Amino acid sequence: MEGGSEELFNGFWPFMKRFLLLFLPLWVFLIGYSAGLNIIIAAILAGLSVSSVAIFENLKLRRENDFADDANNLIK
């Protein structure tokens, strides 16, 4: 169990997450390198791109939890 993240995007998130963690840094590095950035700077940006996947997952989980909490509230 991944703490509720398996339900994101109708259960497709675990596959998307693995794909993004593998290919996103490669894509960012290749885009940065082809744009003429220094190889070290392109590598640092590629490494930082991995954390964006985790940040996106946390934000999406918070948003869905807040939505579920709002749906459970009853005005009495």
N, C-alpha and C. Protein backbone atom coordinates (compact mmCIF):
# COMPACT_ATOMS: atom_id res chain seq x y z
N MET A 1 0.83 -1.19 0.00
CA MET A 1 0.00 0.00 0.00
C MET A 1 0.87 1.25 0.00
N GLU A 2 0.43 2.24 -0.71
CA GLU A 2 1.18 3.49 -0.81
C GLU A 2 0.47 4.63 -0.12
N GLY A 3 -0.40 4.35 0.80
CA GLY A 3 -1.05 5.41 1.56
C GLY A 3 -2.13 6.15 0.81
N GLY A 4 -2.88 5.47 -0.03
CA GLY A 4 -3.96 6.11 -0.75
C GLY A 4 -3.61 6.54 -2.15
N SER A 5 -2.34 6.52 -2.49
CA SER A 5 -1.95 6.99 -3.82
C SER A 5 -2.32 6.00 -4.91
N GLU A 6 -2.62 4.76 -4.54
CA GLU A 6 -3.00 3.77 -5.56
C GLU A 6 -4.38 4.08 -6.16
N GLU A 7 -5.13 4.98 -5.53
CA GLU A 7 -6.45 5.33 -6.04
C GLU A 7 -6.42 6.58 -6.93
N LEU A 8 -5.28 7.24 -7.04
CA LEU A 8 -5.19 8.44 -7.87
C LEU A 8 -5.32 8.07 -9.34
N PHE A 9 -5.99 8.90 -10.08
CA PHE A 9 -6.22 8.71 -11.51
C PHE A 9 -6.80 7.32 -11.81
N ASN A 10 -7.78 6.93 -11.02
CA ASN A 10 -8.50 5.67 -11.19
C ASN A 10 -7.58 4.46 -11.17
N GLY A 11 -6.58 4.48 -10.31
CA GLY A 11 -5.68 3.34 -10.14
C GLY A 11 -4.52 3.31 -11.11
N PHE A 12 -4.40 4.30 -11.97
CA PHE A 12 -3.33 4.32 -12.96
C PHE A 12 -2.08 5.01 -12.44
N TRP A 13 -2.16 5.70 -11.32
CA TRP A 13 -1.05 6.48 -10.80
C TRP A 13 0.20 5.65 -10.49
N PRO A 14 0.12 4.47 -9.86
CA PRO A 14 1.37 3.73 -9.59
C PRO A 14 2.17 3.44 -10.85
N PHE A 15 1.51 3.16 -11.96
CA PHE A 15 2.22 2.92 -13.21
C PHE A 15 2.80 4.21 -13.77
N MET A 16 2.00 5.29 -13.70
CA MET A 16 2.48 6.59 -14.17
C MET A 16 3.67 7.06 -13.34
N LYS A 17 3.61 6.84 -12.04
CA LYS A 17 4.68 7.27 -11.15
C LYS A 17 5.99 6.56 -11.48
N ARG A 18 5.93 5.27 -11.70
CA ARG A 18 7.14 4.53 -12.04
C ARG A 18 7.71 5.00 -13.39
N PHE A 19 6.84 5.25 -14.33
CA PHE A 19 7.26 5.73 -15.64
C PHE A 19 7.90 7.11 -15.54
N LEU A 20 7.25 8.00 -14.77
CA LEU A 20 7.78 9.35 -14.62
C LEU A 20 9.10 9.37 -13.86
N LEU A 21 9.23 8.55 -12.82
CA LEU A 21 10.47 8.52 -12.06
C LEU A 21 11.63 8.01 -12.91
N LEU A 22 11.32 7.20 -13.90
CA LEU A 22 12.36 6.67 -14.77
C LEU A 22 12.72 7.63 -15.89
N PHE A 23 11.72 8.19 -16.56
CA PHE A 23 11.98 8.95 -17.78
C PHE A 23 12.01 10.47 -17.61
N LEU A 24 11.37 11.02 -16.60
CA LEU A 24 11.35 12.48 -16.44
C LEU A 24 12.74 13.06 -16.28
N PRO A 25 13.61 12.51 -15.42
CA PRO A 25 14.96 13.07 -15.34
C PRO A 25 15.73 12.97 -16.66
N LEU A 26 15.54 11.90 -17.39
CA LEU A 26 16.20 11.75 -18.68
C LEU A 26 15.74 12.83 -19.65
N TRP A 27 14.42 13.05 -19.71
CA TRP A 27 13.86 14.06 -20.60
C TRP A 27 14.36 15.46 -20.22
N VAL A 28 14.35 15.77 -18.93
CA VAL A 28 14.79 17.08 -18.48
C VAL A 28 16.27 17.28 -18.81
N PHE A 29 17.07 16.25 -18.58
CA PHE A 29 18.49 16.35 -18.90
C PHE A 29 18.71 16.58 -20.39
N LEU A 30 18.03 15.80 -21.21
CA LEU A 30 18.22 15.94 -22.66
C LEU A 30 17.73 17.29 -23.17
N ILE A 31 16.62 17.80 -22.64
CA ILE A 31 16.13 19.11 -23.04
C ILE A 31 17.11 20.21 -22.61
N GLY A 32 17.60 20.11 -21.38
CA GLY A 32 18.57 21.09 -20.90
C GLY A 32 19.87 21.05 -21.67
N TYR A 33 20.35 19.87 -21.96
CA TYR A 33 21.60 19.73 -22.70
C TYR A 33 21.46 20.22 -24.14
N SER A 34 20.33 19.91 -24.76
CA SER A 34 20.13 20.36 -26.13
C SER A 34 19.86 21.87 -26.20
N ALA A 35 19.43 22.46 -25.09
CA ALA A 35 19.22 23.91 -25.04
C ALA A 35 20.52 24.66 -24.84
N GLY A 36 21.61 23.93 -24.64
CA GLY A 36 22.91 24.56 -24.51
C GLY A 36 23.35 24.80 -23.08
N LEU A 37 22.65 24.23 -22.11
CA LEU A 37 23.07 24.38 -20.72
C LEU A 37 24.33 23.57 -20.47
N ASN A 38 25.06 23.98 -19.47
CA ASN A 38 26.22 23.22 -19.03
C ASN A 38 25.74 21.84 -18.58
N ILE A 39 26.55 20.81 -18.79
CA ILE A 39 26.14 19.44 -18.47
C ILE A 39 25.87 19.27 -16.98
N ILE A 40 26.61 19.97 -16.13
CA ILE A 40 26.40 19.88 -14.68
C ILE A 40 25.05 20.51 -14.30
N ILE A 41 24.74 21.65 -14.87
CA ILE A 41 23.46 22.31 -14.58
C ILE A 41 22.29 21.47 -15.09
N ALA A 42 22.45 20.88 -16.27
CA ALA A 42 21.39 20.02 -16.81
C ALA A 42 21.18 18.80 -15.91
N ALA A 43 22.27 18.26 -15.37
CA ALA A 43 22.16 17.10 -14.48
C ALA A 43 21.49 17.47 -13.16
N ILE A 44 21.80 18.64 -12.63
CA ILE A 44 21.17 19.09 -11.38
C ILE A 44 19.68 19.31 -11.59
N LEU A 45 19.30 19.93 -12.70
CA LEU A 45 17.88 20.13 -12.99
C LEU A 45 17.16 18.80 -13.17
N ALA A 46 17.83 17.83 -13.79
CA ALA A 46 17.23 16.51 -13.96
C ALA A 46 17.02 15.84 -12.60
N GLY A 47 17.96 15.99 -11.71
CA GLY A 47 17.80 15.42 -10.36
C GLY A 47 16.68 16.09 -9.59
N LEU A 48 16.54 17.39 -9.75
CA LEU A 48 15.47 18.11 -9.06
C LEU A 48 14.09 17.76 -9.61
N SER A 49 14.04 17.31 -10.86
CA SER A 49 12.74 16.97 -11.45
C SER A 49 12.11 15.74 -10.80
N VAL A 50 12.91 14.89 -10.19
CA VAL A 50 12.37 13.70 -9.53
C VAL A 50 11.48 14.10 -8.35
N SER A 51 11.90 15.12 -7.62
CA SER A 51 11.11 15.53 -6.46
C SER A 51 9.77 16.14 -6.87
N SER A 52 9.66 16.64 -8.09
CA SER A 52 8.39 17.22 -8.53
C SER A 52 7.30 16.15 -8.63
N VAL A 53 7.67 14.91 -8.90
CA VAL A 53 6.68 13.83 -8.95
C VAL A 53 6.12 13.58 -7.56
N ALA A 54 6.98 13.55 -6.55
CA ALA A 54 6.52 13.34 -5.17
C ALA A 54 5.69 14.51 -4.68
N ILE A 55 6.09 15.72 -5.02
CA ILE A 55 5.33 16.91 -4.62
C ILE A 55 3.95 16.90 -5.25
N PHE A 56 3.88 16.56 -6.55
CA PHE A 56 2.59 16.48 -7.23
C PHE A 56 1.70 15.43 -6.57
N GLU A 57 2.27 14.28 -6.20
CA GLU A 57 1.49 13.22 -5.56
C GLU A 57 0.93 13.69 -4.22
N ASN A 58 1.75 14.36 -3.42
CA ASN A 58 1.28 14.85 -2.12
C ASN A 58 0.18 15.90 -2.27
N LEU A 59 0.34 16.82 -3.21
CA LEU A 59 -0.69 17.83 -3.44
C LEU A 59 -2.00 17.20 -3.89
N LYS A 60 -1.91 16.25 -4.79
CA LYS A 60 -3.12 15.58 -5.30
C LYS A 60 -3.81 14.79 -4.18
N LEU A 61 -3.04 14.12 -3.34
CA LEU A 61 -3.63 13.38 -2.22
C LEU A 61 -4.30 14.32 -1.22
N ARG A 62 -3.65 15.45 -0.92
CA ARG A 62 -4.27 16.42 -0.02
C ARG A 62 -5.57 16.96 -0.58
N ARG A 63 -5.57 17.27 -1.87
CA ARG A 63 -6.76 17.81 -2.51
C ARG A 63 -7.90 16.79 -2.46
N GLU A 64 -7.60 15.53 -2.72
CA GLU A 64 -8.65 14.51 -2.68
C GLU A 64 -9.13 14.26 -1.26
N ASN A 65 -8.22 14.31 -0.28
CA ASN A 65 -8.63 14.14 1.11
C ASN A 65 -9.50 15.30 1.57
N ASP A 66 -9.14 16.51 1.18
CA ASP A 66 -9.97 17.67 1.53
C ASP A 66 -11.35 17.57 0.90
N PHE A 67 -11.40 17.10 -0.34
CA PHE A 67 -12.68 16.94 -1.02
C PHE A 67 -13.52 15.87 -0.32
N ALA A 68 -12.88 14.78 0.11
CA ALA A 68 -13.61 13.72 0.81
C ALA A 68 -14.10 14.21 2.17
N ASP A 69 -13.30 15.02 2.86
CA ASP A 69 -13.71 15.56 4.15
C ASP A 69 -14.88 16.52 3.99
N ASP A 70 -14.87 17.33 2.93
CA ASP A 70 -15.98 18.24 2.70
C ASP A 70 -17.26 17.48 2.36
N ALA A 71 -17.14 16.35 1.70
CA ALA A 71 -18.31 15.56 1.35
C ALA A 71 -18.90 14.87 2.58
N ASN A 72 -18.08 14.63 3.60
CA ASN A 72 -18.56 13.94 4.79
C ASN A 72 -19.17 14.91 5.82
N ASN A 73 -19.01 16.19 5.64
CA ASN A 73 -19.56 17.15 6.58
C ASN A 73 -21.07 17.26 6.40
N LEU A 74 -21.77 17.26 7.52
CA LEU A 74 -23.22 17.43 7.50
C LEU A 74 -23.58 18.65 8.34
N ILE A 75 -24.46 19.44 7.81
CA ILE A 75 -24.95 20.59 8.56
C ILE A 75 -26.18 20.15 9.32
N LYS A 76 -26.13 20.30 10.63
CA LYS A 76 -27.24 19.85 11.47
C LYS A 76 -27.85 21.02 12.19
